[in-house]
Amino acid sequence: SGTALVQIGAFDSDAIAGSEWDRVSGRYSSLFAGKSPVVQKHEAGGRTFYRLRIAGFESRDEARKFCAALIAAGNDCIPAAAQ
């Protein structure tokens, strides 16, 4: 709990989240070195979706810098924390 993560998307299935991890981590392999995917099932408003989050940050500041780099490259990224 409280572990620094970033979220790069929310998808309709676990499989789609996994495909997005493969696509983005492959495209930015140096940025994603030492990182791992965390897919979290979430329900809201009668809908189920799967958050694609990334773990492997030593601090929230490191997670924010990662997001800044990903956003600068034209991708979505939101700093988050494990709950």
Protein backbone atom coordinates (compact mmCIF):
# COMPACT_ATOMS: atom_id res chain seq x y z
CA SER A 1 0.00 0.00 0.00
CA GLY A 2 1.28 3.45 -0.90
CA THR A 3 3.77 2.10 -3.45
CA ALA A 4 4.41 4.55 -6.28
CA LEU A 5 2.81 3.48 -9.56
CA VAL A 6 1.74 5.17 -12.77
CA GLN A 7 -1.40 4.44 -14.77
CA ILE A 8 -1.20 4.47 -18.54
CA GLY A 9 -4.75 3.45 -19.36
CA ALA A 10 -7.99 1.69 -18.47
CA PHE A 11 -9.32 -1.00 -20.80
CA ASP A 12 -12.33 -3.25 -21.33
CA SER A 13 -10.40 -6.47 -20.68
CA ASP A 14 -7.29 -7.85 -19.06
CA ALA A 15 -6.13 -9.03 -22.49
CA ILE A 16 -6.37 -5.54 -24.00
CA ALA A 17 -4.43 -4.11 -21.04
CA GLY A 18 -1.74 -6.74 -21.62
CA SER A 19 -1.54 -5.90 -25.32
CA GLU A 20 -1.17 -2.21 -24.49
CA TRP A 21 1.66 -3.04 -22.07
CA ASP A 22 3.43 -4.97 -24.83
CA ARG A 23 2.97 -2.12 -27.32
CA VAL A 24 4.05 0.77 -25.10
CA SER A 25 6.85 -1.00 -23.22
CA GLY A 26 8.25 -2.24 -26.54
CA ARG A 27 8.13 1.20 -28.10
CA TYR A 28 9.88 2.86 -25.14
CA SER A 29 12.02 -0.04 -23.95
CA SER A 30 14.74 2.08 -22.33
CA LEU A 31 12.16 4.06 -20.32
CA PHE A 32 10.44 0.84 -19.22
CA ALA A 33 13.65 -0.96 -18.15
CA GLY A 34 13.15 -2.44 -14.68
CA LYS A 35 9.39 -1.78 -14.71
CA SER A 36 6.57 -4.30 -14.55
CA PRO A 37 2.86 -4.23 -15.40
CA VAL A 38 0.13 -4.26 -12.77
CA VAL A 39 -3.39 -4.84 -14.11
CA GLN A 40 -6.10 -4.01 -11.59
CA LYS A 41 -9.76 -4.91 -12.10
CA HIS A 42 -12.01 -2.01 -11.14
CA GLU A 43 -15.76 -1.53 -11.12
CA ALA A 44 -17.46 1.85 -11.32
CA GLY A 45 -20.87 2.97 -12.54
CA GLY A 46 -21.93 -0.59 -13.30
CA ARG A 47 -18.94 -1.08 -15.58
CA THR A 48 -15.86 -3.27 -15.16
CA PHE A 49 -12.55 -2.12 -16.54
CA TYR A 50 -8.89 -2.97 -16.13
CA ARG A 51 -6.37 -0.34 -15.11
CA LEU A 52 -2.93 -0.76 -16.61
CA ARG A 53 -0.47 0.47 -14.06
CA ILE A 54 3.30 0.24 -13.92
CA ALA A 55 5.41 -0.66 -10.90
CA GLY A 56 9.13 -0.38 -10.29
CA PHE A 57 9.59 3.16 -8.99
CA GLU A 58 11.66 3.95 -5.92
CA SER A 59 9.70 7.12 -5.17
CA ARG A 60 6.68 9.13 -6.21
CA ASP A 61 9.06 11.71 -7.67
CA GLU A 62 10.56 9.04 -9.94
CA ALA A 63 7.03 8.04 -11.02
CA ARG A 64 6.19 11.69 -11.83
CA LYS A 65 9.36 12.03 -13.94
CA PHE A 66 8.49 8.81 -15.79
CA CYS A 67 5.01 10.21 -16.55
CA ALA A 68 6.45 13.50 -17.74
CA ALA A 69 8.66 11.63 -20.23
CA LEU A 70 5.78 9.45 -21.43
CA ILE A 71 3.43 12.43 -21.81
CA ALA A 72 6.13 14.35 -23.72
CA ALA A 73 6.20 11.41 -26.15
CA GLY A 74 2.43 11.71 -26.67
CA ASN A 75 1.09 9.05 -24.30
CA ASP A 76 -1.29 9.15 -21.36
CA CYS A 77 0.19 8.74 -17.91
CA ILE A 78 -1.11 9.49 -14.41
CA PRO A 79 0.96 9.08 -11.23
CA ALA A 80 -0.86 6.80 -8.77
CA ALA A 81 -0.25 4.79 -5.62
CA ALA A 82 -1.08 1.19 -4.76
CA GLN A 83 -4.12 0.91 -2.53
